[in-house]
Amino acid sequence: MLKLSPRQQAGIQTHVSAAINRLKHFQKIDGGFRYWPGNEDVNAWATNYAGHFLVAAQSRGYLVPGQLFHPVIDFLPGCFIRAREVSVI
């Protein structure tokens, strides 16, 4: 495993925490995430990507606010059901 210096570890902590805080600007009230801040449309890919990041961060001990985490977890199952309904397979 890669050995990180205390400075490198602190840098990682800072960047992951900043990313978690930045995601607040992309989340809509229903829990989905927009591709760009200010965009009205939820993007399934962005929602899945952000949700995966939040789950991974939380599982590694980073503080993920419940008001950011729980809505996306509740939103994701419906997101994939809706995507399946419009899929043309």
Protein backbone atom coordinates (compact mmCIF):
# COMPACT_ATOMS: atom_id res chain seq x y z
CA MET A 1 0.00 0.00 0.00
CA LEU A 2 1.11 3.54 -0.72
CA LYS A 3 2.47 5.37 2.31
CA LEU A 4 1.21 8.95 2.51
CA SER A 5 2.78 11.74 4.48
CA PRO A 6 0.64 13.59 7.04
CA ARG A 7 0.52 16.54 4.64
CA GLN A 8 -0.77 14.32 1.82
CA GLN A 9 -3.37 12.75 4.12
CA ALA A 10 -4.57 16.19 5.20
CA GLY A 11 -4.79 17.25 1.55
CA ILE A 12 -6.96 14.26 0.71
CA GLN A 13 -9.24 15.02 3.67
CA THR A 14 -9.55 18.64 2.55
CA HIS A 15 -10.37 17.75 -1.07
CA VAL A 16 -12.89 15.02 -0.27
CA SER A 17 -14.66 17.29 2.22
CA ALA A 18 -14.70 20.12 -0.34
CA ALA A 19 -16.20 17.78 -2.96
CA ILE A 20 -18.93 16.69 -0.54
CA ASN A 21 -19.77 20.33 0.20
CA ARG A 22 -19.75 21.24 -3.50
CA LEU A 23 -22.29 18.54 -4.30
CA LYS A 24 -24.87 20.46 -2.27
CA HIS A 25 -25.06 22.95 -5.16
CA PHE A 26 -25.98 20.22 -7.65
CA GLN A 27 -28.68 18.40 -5.69
CA LYS A 28 -32.36 19.10 -6.26
CA ILE A 29 -34.99 18.92 -3.54
CA ASP A 30 -36.11 15.45 -4.73
CA GLY A 31 -32.61 14.03 -4.16
CA GLY A 32 -31.49 13.86 -7.79
CA PHE A 33 -28.43 15.66 -9.07
CA ARG A 34 -28.14 18.08 -11.95
CA TYR A 35 -25.27 17.89 -14.37
CA TRP A 36 -24.61 21.62 -13.89
CA PRO A 37 -25.59 23.94 -11.00
CA GLY A 38 -28.68 25.93 -11.88
CA ASN A 39 -29.89 23.40 -14.45
CA GLU A 40 -33.46 22.30 -13.71
CA ASP A 41 -33.18 18.76 -15.08
CA VAL A 42 -32.00 15.83 -12.99
CA ASN A 43 -29.36 13.77 -14.75
CA ALA A 44 -29.44 10.01 -14.03
CA TRP A 45 -25.72 9.59 -14.68
CA ALA A 46 -24.76 12.52 -12.44
CA THR A 47 -27.10 11.25 -9.73
CA ASN A 48 -25.58 7.77 -9.81
CA TYR A 49 -22.04 9.15 -9.88
CA ALA A 50 -22.66 11.54 -6.97
CA GLY A 51 -24.51 8.87 -5.00
CA HIS A 52 -21.67 6.40 -5.47
CA PHE A 53 -19.13 9.00 -4.35
CA LEU A 54 -21.17 9.82 -1.23
CA VAL A 55 -21.56 6.13 -0.30
CA ALA A 56 -17.83 5.53 -0.81
CA ALA A 57 -16.88 8.63 1.18
CA GLN A 58 -19.17 7.72 4.05
CA SER A 59 -17.90 4.13 4.11
CA ARG A 60 -14.35 5.50 4.46
CA GLY A 61 -15.28 7.63 7.45
CA TYR A 62 -15.89 11.01 5.85
CA LEU A 63 -18.74 13.09 7.23
CA VAL A 64 -21.57 13.10 4.70
CA PRO A 65 -24.51 15.21 5.89
CA GLY A 66 -27.72 13.23 6.15
CA GLN A 67 -29.66 15.92 4.27
CA LEU A 68 -27.35 15.28 1.29
CA PHE A 69 -27.04 11.50 1.64
CA HIS A 70 -30.55 10.25 2.41
CA PRO A 71 -32.42 12.04 -0.43
CA VAL A 72 -30.13 10.60 -3.12
CA ILE A 73 -30.37 7.10 -1.63
CA ASP A 74 -34.17 7.41 -1.68
CA PHE A 75 -34.14 8.86 -5.21
CA LEU A 76 -31.92 6.31 -6.96
CA PRO A 77 -34.29 3.32 -7.20
CA GLY A 78 -36.95 5.43 -8.91
CA CYS A 79 -34.32 6.94 -11.18
CA PHE A 80 -33.46 3.55 -12.62
CA ILE A 81 -37.10 2.49 -12.92
CA ARG A 82 -37.80 5.64 -14.94
CA ALA A 83 -34.73 5.03 -17.10
CA ARG A 84 -35.83 1.46 -17.79
CA GLU A 85 -39.31 2.66 -18.84
CA VAL A 86 -37.87 4.93 -21.55
CA SER A 87 -35.21 2.47 -22.69
CA VAL A 88 -35.54 1.14 -26.22
CA ILE A 89 -34.21 -2.39 -26.06
